[in-house]
Amino acid sequence: MTNGNHKLTFSKMHGCGNDFIMLDGFNQHLPANLSDLAIRLCDRHFGIGADGIITLTPAEGYDFRMTLYQPDGSQAEMCGNGARCAALFAARLSITQAGELRMLTPAGLIRPTLLSADDEKNCGTVQVDMGLPHLKPQEIPCTLPGDQLLDCPVEVLGQQFNFSAVSMGNPHAVIFIDTAPQDFPVATYGPLLEKHPIFPAKANIEFAHVQDKHNIRMRVWERGAGETLACGTGACATAVAAILTGRAESPVNLHLDGGTLQICWQPQQSVFMTGPAAFSFNGEVLL
């Protein structure tokens, strides 16, 4: 892609269509400028194309450290679909033989478990203990007052929405809509809500339609990435918000553009996310 002598190997993976460039930091030297590299390689016209770069590197006391660099070069605290891909990637690399992994992220300890793997089809099913959801405004973060922010009004372009704020290690604003998400102008309202002044660290925005107590159709506008086919932490945040507001009951199937994730959660307990991860191809780039 550029002239150079350093060869970097990668695997392209996805979880429900949320796709990542996976970099093995155990068996090769990773460049220092990963933010710049993410901007270049994630470009879908002039790069490999992805929703982010994920690195797996050693971390004392853990099986590995997972770091996600988004297409704009920023780092995300956590990524649910990325966590499932990281678990399958780690198994392929034989980084660990543990059943339940201890994965360090900027959001803290995350525990994925590889439930099944099909080497012939290059895919697997992973359940992730995502930890406790955070609901206090300062934990999102959001500048509005209150102990929890459920169905709170926010306005953009003269349109009022009601959002529920949940942090899964990264900030989410869940908006329940009456219309089918596929007909909703996500690209119009998503970026404005993402950068709304009440979210000092920006926010991921979920537009969700409750089909019944156990099924929700959702589209997501991700902070730093734009609309993606799926968002694991967004699915978790949406399920939590739906359960807290009485719209849904656990388990909840979140139907996204790229596939379905099952979310199990009871108040005061960890959120458990189960879904697929798959390899697309392997490759090399010259730096």
C-alpha atoms as a PDB file:
ATOM      1  CA  MET A   1       0.000   0.000   0.000  1.00  0.00           C
ATOM      2  CA  THR A   2       3.043   2.173   0.587  1.00  0.00           C
ATOM      3  CA  ASN A   3       6.657   1.512  -0.210  1.00  0.00           C
ATOM      4  CA  GLY A   4       8.475   0.028   2.749  1.00  0.00           C
ATOM      5  CA  ASN A   5      10.286  -2.961   4.120  1.00  0.00           C
ATOM      6  CA  HIS A   6       8.153  -3.851   7.131  1.00  0.00           C
ATOM      7  CA  LYS A   7       5.571  -6.494   6.323  1.00  0.00           C
ATOM      8  CA  LEU A   8       2.480  -6.650   8.536  1.00  0.00           C
ATOM      9  CA  THR A   9       0.217  -9.704   8.453  1.00  0.00           C
ATOM     10  CA  PHE A  10      -3.461  -9.407   9.307  1.00  0.00           C
ATOM     11  CA  SER A  11      -6.735 -11.311   9.346  1.00  0.00           C
ATOM     12  CA  LYS A  12      -9.990  -9.753   8.244  1.00  0.00           C
ATOM     13  CA  MET A  13     -12.850 -10.791  10.536  1.00  0.00           C
ATOM     14  CA  HIS A  14     -16.411  -9.767  11.257  1.00  0.00           C
ATOM     15  CA  GLY A  15     -19.120 -10.208  13.839  1.00  0.00           C
ATOM     16  CA  CYS A  16     -22.569  -9.802  12.280  1.00  0.00           C
ATOM     17  CA  GLY A  17     -20.997  -7.741   9.506  1.00  0.00           C
ATOM     18  CA  ASN A  18     -19.165  -5.406  11.901  1.00  0.00           C
ATOM     19  CA  ASP A  19     -15.742  -5.932  10.303  1.00  0.00           C
ATOM     20  CA  PHE A  20     -12.230  -5.552  11.663  1.00  0.00           C
ATOM     21  CA  ILE A  21      -8.596  -5.805  10.622  1.00  0.00           C
ATOM     22  CA  MET A  22      -7.090  -8.095  13.256  1.00  0.00           C
ATOM     23  CA  LEU A  23      -3.408  -7.659  14.127  1.00  0.00           C
ATOM     24  CA  ASP A  24      -1.393 -10.250  16.059  1.00  0.00           C
ATOM     25  CA  GLY A  25       0.905  -8.421  18.481  1.00  0.00           C
ATOM     26  CA  PHE A  26       2.315 -11.638  19.964  1.00  0.00           C
ATOM     27  CA  ASN A  27       4.184 -12.942  16.919  1.00  0.00           C
ATOM     28  CA  GLN A  28       5.038  -9.747  15.072  1.00  0.00           C
ATOM     29  CA  HIS A  29       6.116  -6.203  15.838  1.00  0.00           C
ATOM     30  CA  LEU A  30       3.274  -3.692  15.547  1.00  0.00           C
ATOM     31  CA  PRO A  31       3.999  -0.155  14.323  1.00  0.00           C
ATOM     32  CA  ALA A  32       3.732   2.752  16.754  1.00  0.00           C
ATOM     33  CA  ASN A  33       1.422   4.826  14.557  1.00  0.00           C
ATOM     34  CA  LEU A  34      -1.650   2.585  14.823  1.00  0.00           C
ATOM     35  CA  SER A  35      -4.056   5.524  14.842  1.00  0.00           C
ATOM     36  CA  ASP A  36      -2.698   6.748  11.510  1.00  0.00           C
ATOM     37  CA  LEU A  37      -2.645   3.188  10.200  1.00  0.00           C
ATOM     38  CA  ALA A  38      -6.319   2.739  11.129  1.00  0.00           C
ATOM     39  CA  ILE A  39      -7.303   5.824   9.150  1.00  0.00           C
ATOM     40  CA  ARG A  40      -5.464   4.502   6.096  1.00  0.00           C
ATOM     41  CA  LEU A  41      -6.330   0.815   6.217  1.00  0.00           C
ATOM     42  CA  CYS A  42      -9.978   1.183   7.233  1.00  0.00           C
ATOM     43  CA  ASP A  43     -10.730   3.301   4.166  1.00  0.00           C
ATOM     44  CA  ARG A  44     -13.055   1.218   1.998  1.00  0.00           C
ATOM     45  CA  HIS A  45     -11.846   2.738  -1.262  1.00  0.00           C
ATOM     46  CA  PHE A  46      -8.090   3.215  -0.766  1.00  0.00           C
ATOM     47  CA  GLY A  47      -7.404   0.726   2.035  1.00  0.00           C
ATOM     48  CA  ILE A  48      -8.482  -2.737   3.114  1.00  0.00           C
ATOM     49  CA  GLY A  49     -11.791  -1.444   4.427  1.00  0.00           C
ATOM     50  CA  ALA A  50     -13.067  -2.055   7.968  1.00  0.00           C
ATOM     51  CA  ASP A  51     -14.941  -0.628  10.927  1.00  0.00           C
ATOM     52  CA  GLY A  52     -11.683  -0.624  12.868  1.00  0.00           C
ATOM     53  CA  ILE A  53      -8.290  -2.181  13.591  1.00  0.00           C
ATOM     54  CA  ILE A  54      -8.070  -4.548  16.570  1.00  0.00           C
ATOM     55  CA  THR A  55      -4.740  -5.470  18.111  1.00  0.00           C
ATOM     56  CA  LEU A  56      -4.044  -8.396  20.446  1.00  0.00           C
ATOM     57  CA  THR A  57      -0.982  -7.818  22.612  1.00  0.00           C
ATOM     58  CA  PRO A  58       0.431  -9.366  25.807  1.00  0.00           C
ATOM     59  CA  ALA A  59      -0.888  -8.104  29.144  1.00  0.00           C
ATOM     60  CA  GLU A  60       0.364  -9.385  32.495  1.00  0.00           C
ATOM     61  CA  GLY A  61      -2.347 -11.213  34.426  1.00  0.00           C
ATOM     62  CA  TYR A  62      -4.575 -11.525  31.336  1.00  0.00           C
ATOM     63  CA  ASP A  63      -4.713 -13.754  28.282  1.00  0.00           C
ATOM     64  CA  PHE A  64      -4.233 -10.664  26.113  1.00  0.00           C
ATOM     65  CA  ARG A  65      -5.018  -6.995  25.699  1.00  0.00           C
ATOM     66  CA  MET A  66      -7.537  -5.960  23.020  1.00  0.00           C
ATOM     67  CA  THR A  67      -7.309  -2.444  21.600  1.00  0.00           C
ATOM     68  CA  LEU A  68      -9.660  -1.049  18.962  1.00  0.00           C
ATOM     69  CA  TYR A  69      -8.646   1.821  16.684  1.00  0.00           C
ATOM     70  CA  GLN A  70     -11.627   3.277  14.845  1.00  0.00           C
ATOM     71  CA  PRO A  71     -11.651   4.519  11.233  1.00  0.00           C
ATOM     72  CA  ASP A  72     -11.102   8.111  12.401  1.00  0.00           C
ATOM     73  CA  GLY A  73      -8.011   7.056  14.364  1.00  0.00           C
ATOM     74  CA  SER A  74      -9.594   7.315  17.801  1.00  0.00           C
ATOM     75  CA  GLN A  75      -9.582   4.479  20.315  1.00  0.00           C
ATOM     76  CA  ALA A  76     -12.821   2.939  21.568  1.00  0.00           C
ATOM     77  CA  GLU A  77     -13.083   1.774  25.164  1.00  0.00           C
ATOM     78  CA  MET A  78     -14.881  -1.445  24.252  1.00  0.00           C
ATOM     79  CA  CYS A  79     -16.412  -3.307  21.308  1.00  0.00           C
ATOM     80  CA  GLY A  80     -18.706  -6.309  21.724  1.00  0.00           C
ATOM     81  CA  ASN A  81     -18.446  -7.644  18.181  1.00  0.00           C
ATOM     82  CA  GLY A  82     -14.709  -7.051  18.320  1.00  0.00           C
ATOM     83  CA  ALA A  83     -14.478  -9.009  21.568  1.00  0.00           C
ATOM     84  CA  ARG A  84     -16.041 -12.043  19.920  1.00  0.00           C
ATOM     85  CA  CYS A  85     -13.675 -11.745  16.961  1.00  0.00           C
ATOM     86  CA  ALA A  86     -10.734 -11.370  19.341  1.00  0.00           C
ATOM     87  CA  ALA A  87     -11.677 -14.573  21.166  1.00  0.00           C
ATOM     88  CA  LEU A  88     -11.841 -16.585  17.936  1.00  0.00           C
ATOM     89  CA  PHE A  89      -8.650 -14.920  16.659  1.00  0.00           C
ATOM     90  CA  ALA A  90      -6.834 -15.801  19.889  1.00  0.00           C
ATOM     91  CA  ALA A  91      -7.941 -19.421  19.570  1.00  0.00           C
ATOM     92  CA  ARG A  92      -6.705 -19.553  15.959  1.00  0.00           C
ATOM     93  CA  LEU A  93      -3.338 -18.161  17.056  1.00  0.00           C
ATOM     94  CA  SER A  94      -3.197 -20.593  20.027  1.00  0.00           C
ATOM     95  CA  ILE A  95      -2.498 -17.629  22.299  1.00  0.00           C
ATOM     96  CA  THR A  96      -4.388 -19.405  25.061  1.00  0.00           C
ATOM     97  CA  GLN A  97      -6.121 -22.708  25.652  1.00  0.00           C
ATOM     98  CA  ALA A  98      -8.416 -21.331  28.363  1.00  0.00           C
ATOM     99  CA  GLY A  99     -12.160 -21.829  28.009  1.00  0.00           C
ATOM    100  CA  GLU A 100     -13.121 -18.492  29.519  1.00  0.00           C
ATOM    101  CA  LEU A 101     -10.657 -15.794  28.477  1.00  0.00           C
ATOM    102  CA  ARG A 102      -9.458 -12.848  30.531  1.00  0.00           C
ATOM    103  CA  MET A 103      -9.237  -9.979  28.071  1.00  0.00           C
ATOM    104  CA  LEU A 104      -7.993  -6.545  29.094  1.00  0.00           C
ATOM    105  CA  THR A 105      -9.609  -3.529  27.387  1.00  0.00           C
ATOM    106  CA  PRO A 106      -9.613   0.202  28.157  1.00  0.00           C
ATOM    107  CA  ALA A 107     -13.011  -0.492  29.771  1.00  0.00           C
ATOM    108  CA  GLY A 108     -11.458  -3.110  32.067  1.00  0.00           C
ATOM    109  CA  LEU A 109     -11.717  -6.898  32.234  1.00  0.00           C
ATOM    110  CA  ILE A 110     -13.951  -8.617  29.662  1.00  0.00           C
ATOM    111  CA  ARG A 111     -14.538 -12.374  29.753  1.00  0.00           C
ATOM    112  CA  PRO A 112     -15.384 -14.035  26.406  1.00  0.00           C
ATOM    113  CA  THR A 113     -16.008 -17.771  26.124  1.00  0.00           C
ATOM    114  CA  LEU A 114     -15.646 -19.603  22.806  1.00  0.00           C
ATOM    115  CA  LEU A 115     -18.724 -21.844  22.738  1.00  0.00           C
ATOM    116  CA  SER A 116     -17.995 -23.460  19.386  1.00  0.00           C
ATOM    117  CA  ALA A 117     -15.600 -23.208  16.463  1.00  0.00           C
ATOM    118  CA  ASP A 118     -15.811 -24.574  12.928  1.00  0.00           C
ATOM    119  CA  ASP A 119     -12.348 -24.548  11.346  1.00  0.00           C
ATOM    120  CA  GLU A 120     -13.708 -25.590   7.957  1.00  0.00           C
ATOM    121  CA  LYS A 121     -16.154 -22.686   7.836  1.00  0.00           C
ATOM    122  CA  ASN A 122     -13.767 -20.322   9.637  1.00  0.00           C
ATOM    123  CA  CYS A 123     -16.360 -19.222  12.146  1.00  0.00           C
ATOM    124  CA  GLY A 124     -17.472 -19.710  15.722  1.00  0.00           C
ATOM    125  CA  THR A 125     -19.955 -18.721  18.400  1.00  0.00           C
ATOM    126  CA  VAL A 126     -18.794 -16.676  21.364  1.00  0.00           C
ATOM    127  CA  GLN A 127     -20.506 -15.636  24.572  1.00  0.00           C
ATOM    128  CA  VAL A 128     -19.108 -12.540  26.270  1.00  0.00           C
ATOM    129  CA  ASP A 129     -19.563 -11.502  29.874  1.00  0.00           C
ATOM    130  CA  MET A 130     -19.740  -7.764  29.210  1.00  0.00           C
ATOM    131  CA  GLY A 131     -19.840  -6.790  32.886  1.00  0.00           C
ATOM    132  CA  LEU A 132     -22.304  -4.485  34.593  1.00  0.00           C
ATOM    133  CA  PRO A 133     -23.983  -1.702  32.633  1.00  0.00           C
ATOM    134  CA  HIS A 134     -23.390   1.813  33.955  1.00  0.00           C
ATOM    135  CA  LEU A 135     -26.380   4.111  34.231  1.00  0.00           C
ATOM    136  CA  LYS A 136     -25.314   7.207  36.158  1.00  0.00           C
ATOM    137  CA  PRO A 137     -24.983  10.286  33.907  1.00  0.00           C
ATOM    138  CA  GLN A 138     -21.364  10.900  34.908  1.00  0.00           C
ATOM    139  CA  GLU A 139     -20.518   7.327  33.927  1.00  0.00           C
ATOM    140  CA  ILE A 140     -21.908   7.656  30.377  1.00  0.00           C
ATOM    141  CA  PRO A 141     -20.797  10.546  30.330  1.00  0.00           C
ATOM    142  CA  CYS A 142     -23.778  12.883  29.900  1.00  0.00           C
ATOM    143  CA  THR A 143     -24.194  16.366  31.315  1.00  0.00           C
ATOM    144  CA  LEU A 144     -27.903  15.983  32.203  1.00  0.00           C
ATOM    145  CA  PRO A 145     -28.765  15.616  35.911  1.00  0.00           C
ATOM    146  CA  GLY A 146     -30.381  12.583  37.526  1.00  0.00           C
ATOM    147  CA  ASP A 147     -29.570   9.121  38.874  1.00  0.00           C
ATOM    148  CA  GLN A 148     -30.531   7.431  35.589  1.00  0.00           C
ATOM    149  CA  LEU A 149     -31.392   8.861  32.186  1.00  0.00           C
ATOM    150  CA  LEU A 150     -34.337   6.888  30.817  1.00  0.00           C
ATOM    151  CA  ASP A 151     -36.548   8.291  28.031  1.00  0.00           C
ATOM    152  CA  CYS A 152     -35.024  11.765  28.410  1.00  0.00           C
ATOM    153  CA  PRO A 153     -35.784  14.372  25.720  1.00  0.00           C
ATOM    154  CA  VAL A 154     -33.133  15.681  23.329  1.00  0.00           C
ATOM    155  CA  GLU A 155     -33.662  17.825  20.228  1.00  0.00           C
ATOM    156  CA  VAL A 156     -31.836  18.046  16.896  1.00  0.00           C
ATOM    157  CA  LEU A 157     -33.011  19.737  13.693  1.00  0.00           C
ATOM    158  CA  GLY A 158     -36.252  20.676  15.437  1.00  0.00           C
ATOM    159  CA  GLN A 159     -37.032  16.998  16.081  1.00  0.00           C
ATOM    160  CA  GLN A 160     -37.382  15.764  19.658  1.00  0.00           C
ATOM    161  CA  PHE A 161     -36.249  12.281  20.586  1.00  0.00           C
ATOM    162  CA  ASN A 162     -36.367  10.440  23.889  1.00  0.00           C
ATOM    163  CA  PHE A 163     -33.144   8.621  24.729  1.00  0.00           C
ATOM    164  CA  SER A 164     -31.950   6.271  27.445  1.00  0.00           C
ATOM    165  CA  ALA A 165     -28.268   6.490  28.365  1.00  0.00           C
ATOM    166  CA  VAL A 166     -26.245   3.356  29.080  1.00  0.00           C
ATOM    167  CA  SER A 167     -22.502   2.805  29.234  1.00  0.00           C
ATOM    168  CA  MET A 168     -21.108  -0.619  28.404  1.00  0.00           C
ATOM    169  CA  GLY A 169     -17.622   0.761  28.926  1.00  0.00           C
ATOM    170  CA  ASN A 170     -18.429   3.156  26.071  1.00  0.00           C
ATOM    171  CA  PRO A 171     -21.299   5.668  25.829  1.00  0.00           C
ATOM    172  CA  HIS A 172     -24.667   4.821  24.262  1.00  0.00           C
ATOM    173  CA  ALA A 173     -27.895   6.740  23.735  1.00  0.00           C
ATOM    174  CA  VAL A 174     -30.763   4.387  22.898  1.00  0.00           C
ATOM    175  CA  ILE A 175     -33.753   5.849  21.061  1.00  0.00           C
ATOM    176  CA  PHE A 176     -36.892   3.750  20.681  1.00  0.00           C
ATOM    177  CA  ILE A 177     -38.823   4.575  17.523  1.00  0.00           C
ATOM    178  CA  ASP A 178     -42.295   3.593  16.324  1.00  0.00           C
ATOM    179  CA  THR A 179     -41.275   3.096  12.703  1.00  0.00           C
ATOM    180  CA  ALA A 180     -39.179   0.311  11.190  1.00  0.00           C
ATOM    181  CA  PRO A 181     -35.480   1.247  11.558  1.00  0.00           C
ATOM    182  CA  GLN A 182     -34.788   0.401   7.915  1.00  0.00           C
ATOM    183  CA  ASP A 183     -37.030   3.347   6.967  1.00  0.00           C
ATOM    184  CA  PHE A 184     -35.511   5.766   9.495  1.00  0.00           C
ATOM    185  CA  PRO A 185     -33.015   8.489   8.373  1.00  0.00           C
ATOM    186  CA  VAL A 186     -30.146   7.263  10.564  1.00  0.00           C
ATOM    187  CA  ALA A 187     -27.523   9.138   8.532  1.00  0.00           C
ATOM    188  CA  THR A 188     -29.371  12.427   9.128  1.00  0.00           C
ATOM    189  CA  TYR A 189     -29.869  12.273  12.884  1.00  0.00           C
ATOM    190  CA  GLY A 190     -27.088   9.873  13.915  1.00  0.00           C
ATOM    191  CA  PRO A 191     -24.097  12.205  13.497  1.00  0.00           C
ATOM    192  CA  LEU A 192     -25.911  15.144  15.110  1.00  0.00           C
ATOM    193  CA  LEU A 193     -26.883  13.103  18.143  1.00  0.00           C
ATOM    194  CA  GLU A 194     -23.412  11.527  18.342  1.00  0.00           C
ATOM    195  CA  LYS A 195     -21.862  14.987  18.719  1.00  0.00           C
ATOM    196  CA  HIS A 196     -24.636  16.609  20.766  1.00  0.00           C
ATOM    197  CA  PRO A 197     -23.209  18.878  23.500  1.00  0.00           C
ATOM    198  CA  ILE A 198     -24.814  16.794  26.260  1.00  0.00           C
ATOM    199  CA  PHE A 199     -22.370  13.977  25.369  1.00  0.00           C
ATOM    200  CA  PRO A 200     -18.901  15.401  26.146  1.00  0.00           C
ATOM    201  CA  ALA A 201     -17.163  12.218  24.893  1.00  0.00           C
ATOM    202  CA  LYS A 202     -19.654  11.818  22.020  1.00  0.00           C
ATOM    203  CA  ALA A 203     -21.962   8.798  21.988  1.00  0.00           C
ATOM    204  CA  ASN A 204     -23.027   5.773  19.985  1.00  0.00           C
ATOM    205  CA  ILE A 205     -26.647   6.183  18.909  1.00  0.00           C
ATOM    206  CA  GLU A 206     -29.072   3.260  18.646  1.00  0.00           C
ATOM    207  CA  PHE A 207     -32.413   3.537  16.829  1.00  0.00           C
ATOM    208  CA  ALA A 208     -34.517   0.609  18.018  1.00  0.00           C
ATOM    209  CA  HIS A 209     -38.002  -0.714  17.282  1.00  0.00           C
ATOM    210  CA  VAL A 210     -39.518  -3.177  19.746  1.00  0.00           C
ATOM    211  CA  GLN A 211     -41.217  -6.012  17.867  1.00  0.00           C
ATOM    212  CA  ASP A 212     -42.239  -7.920  20.996  1.00  0.00           C
ATOM    213  CA  LYS A 213     -40.919  -8.571  24.516  1.00  0.00           C
ATOM    214  CA  HIS A 214     -38.015 -10.679  23.233  1.00  0.00           C
ATOM    215  CA  ASN A 215     -37.217  -9.168  19.818  1.00  0.00           C
ATOM    216  CA  ILE A 216     -35.918  -5.738  18.859  1.00  0.00           C
ATOM    217  CA  ARG A 217     -34.893  -4.461  15.420  1.00  0.00           C
ATOM    218  CA  MET A 218     -32.045  -1.950  15.599  1.00  0.00           C
ATOM    219  CA  ARG A 219     -29.743   0.223  13.534  1.00  0.00           C
ATOM    220  CA  VAL A 220     -26.725   1.968  14.992  1.00  0.00           C
ATOM    221  CA  TRP A 221     -24.655   5.061  14.330  1.00  0.00           C
ATOM    222  CA  GLU A 222     -21.256   4.415  15.909  1.00  0.00           C
ATOM    223  CA  ARG A 223     -19.072   7.117  17.381  1.00  0.00           C
ATOM    224  CA  GLY A 224     -16.039   7.584  15.147  1.00  0.00           C
ATOM    225  CA  ALA A 225     -17.206   5.046  12.554  1.00  0.00           C
ATOM    226  CA  GLY A 226     -20.627   6.085  11.242  1.00  0.00           C
ATOM    227  CA  GLU A 227     -23.372   3.566  10.563  1.00  0.00           C
ATOM    228  CA  THR A 228     -22.237  -0.045  10.905  1.00  0.00           C
ATOM    229  CA  LEU A 229     -24.007  -3.333  10.255  1.00  0.00           C
ATOM    230  CA  ALA A 230     -23.873  -4.254  13.936  1.00  0.00           C
ATOM    231  CA  CYS A 231     -22.663  -3.034  17.323  1.00  0.00           C
ATOM    232  CA  GLY A 232     -22.288  -5.491  20.187  1.00  0.00           C
ATOM    233  CA  THR A 233     -22.108  -2.945  22.987  1.00  0.00           C
ATOM    234  CA  GLY A 234     -25.004  -1.112  21.328  1.00  0.00           C
ATOM    235  CA  ALA A 235     -27.073  -4.299  21.341  1.00  0.00           C
ATOM    236  CA  CYS A 236     -26.305  -4.725  25.048  1.00  0.00           C
ATOM    237  CA  ALA A 237     -27.168  -1.115  25.818  1.00  0.00           C
ATOM    238  CA  THR A 238     -30.426  -1.382  23.874  1.00  0.00           C
ATOM    239  CA  ALA A 239     -31.479  -4.547  25.695  1.00  0.00           C
ATOM    240  CA  VAL A 240     -30.688  -2.967  29.072  1.00  0.00           C
ATOM    241  CA  ALA A 241     -32.643   0.196  28.210  1.00  0.00           C
ATOM    242  CA  ALA A 242     -35.588  -1.846  26.908  1.00  0.00           C
ATOM    243  CA  ILE A 243     -35.713  -3.988  30.052  1.00  0.00           C
ATOM    244  CA  LEU A 244     -35.391  -1.011  32.397  1.00  0.00           C
ATOM    245  CA  THR A 245     -38.228   0.838  30.648  1.00  0.00           C
ATOM    246  CA  GLY A 246     -40.497  -2.218  30.580  1.00  0.00           C
ATOM    247  CA  ARG A 247     -40.356  -2.661  26.828  1.00  0.00           C
ATOM    248  CA  ALA A 248     -38.632  -6.048  26.872  1.00  0.00           C
ATOM    249  CA  GLU A 249     -37.739  -9.054  29.000  1.00  0.00           C
ATOM    250  CA  SER A 250     -34.551 -11.135  29.060  1.00  0.00           C
ATOM    251  CA  PRO A 251     -33.404 -12.820  26.871  1.00  0.00           C
ATOM    252  CA  VAL A 252     -33.653 -10.245  24.083  1.00  0.00           C
ATOM    253  CA  ASN A 253     -32.781 -10.953  20.447  1.00  0.00           C
ATOM    254  CA  LEU A 254     -31.323  -7.854  18.814  1.00  0.00           C
ATOM    255  CA  HIS A 255     -31.825  -8.011  15.053  1.00  0.00           C
ATOM    256  CA  LEU A 256     -29.234  -5.831  13.297  1.00  0.00           C
ATOM    257  CA  ASP A 257     -28.496  -5.284   9.628  1.00  0.00           C
ATOM    258  CA  GLY A 258     -25.655  -7.822   9.811  1.00  0.00           C
ATOM    259  CA  GLY A 259     -27.247 -10.497  11.966  1.00  0.00           C
ATOM    260  CA  THR A 260     -28.748 -11.301  15.363  1.00  0.00           C
ATOM    261  CA  LEU A 261     -27.253 -11.129  18.851  1.00  0.00           C
ATOM    262  CA  GLN A 262     -28.839 -12.590  21.965  1.00  0.00           C
ATOM    263  CA  ILE A 263     -28.558 -10.475  25.106  1.00  0.00           C
ATOM    264  CA  CYS A 264     -29.307 -11.822  28.583  1.00  0.00           C
ATOM    265  CA  TRP A 265     -29.492  -9.442  31.542  1.00  0.00           C
ATOM    266  CA  GLN A 266     -31.043  -9.172  34.965  1.00  0.00           C
ATOM    267  CA  PRO A 267     -30.711  -5.960  37.015  1.00  0.00           C
ATOM    268  CA  GLN A 268     -27.611  -5.807  39.236  1.00  0.00           C
ATOM    269  CA  GLN A 269     -25.956  -8.553  37.159  1.00  0.00           C
ATOM    270  CA  SER A 270     -23.557  -8.773  34.211  1.00  0.00           C
ATOM    271  CA  VAL A 271     -24.782  -8.481  30.642  1.00  0.00           C
ATOM    272  CA  PHE A 272     -24.159 -11.609  28.571  1.00  0.00           C
ATOM    273  CA  MET A 273     -23.941 -11.301  24.780  1.00  0.00           C
ATOM    274  CA  THR A 274     -23.906 -14.359  22.490  1.00  0.00           C
ATOM    275  CA  GLY A 275     -23.270 -14.222  18.771  1.00  0.00           C
ATOM    276  CA  PRO A 276     -21.100 -15.250  15.823  1.00  0.00           C
ATOM    277  CA  ALA A 277     -17.579 -14.358  14.743  1.00  0.00           C
ATOM    278  CA  ALA A 278     -16.030 -15.270  11.404  1.00  0.00           C
ATOM    279  CA  PHE A 279     -12.841 -15.008   9.360  1.00  0.00           C
ATOM    280  CA  SER A 280     -13.083 -13.404   5.916  1.00  0.00           C
ATOM    281  CA  PHE A 281      -9.485 -13.604   4.660  1.00  0.00           C
ATOM    282  CA  ASN A 282      -5.821 -13.179   5.589  1.00  0.00           C
ATOM    283  CA  GLY A 283      -3.363 -10.789   4.011  1.00  0.00           C
ATOM    284  CA  GLU A 284      -0.210  -8.706   4.235  1.00  0.00           C
ATOM    285  CA  VAL A 285       0.533  -5.001   3.911  1.00  0.00           C
ATOM    286  CA  LEU A 286       3.864  -3.243   3.424  1.00  0.00           C
ATOM    287  CA  LEU A 287       4.432  -0.272   5.713  1.00  0.00           C
END
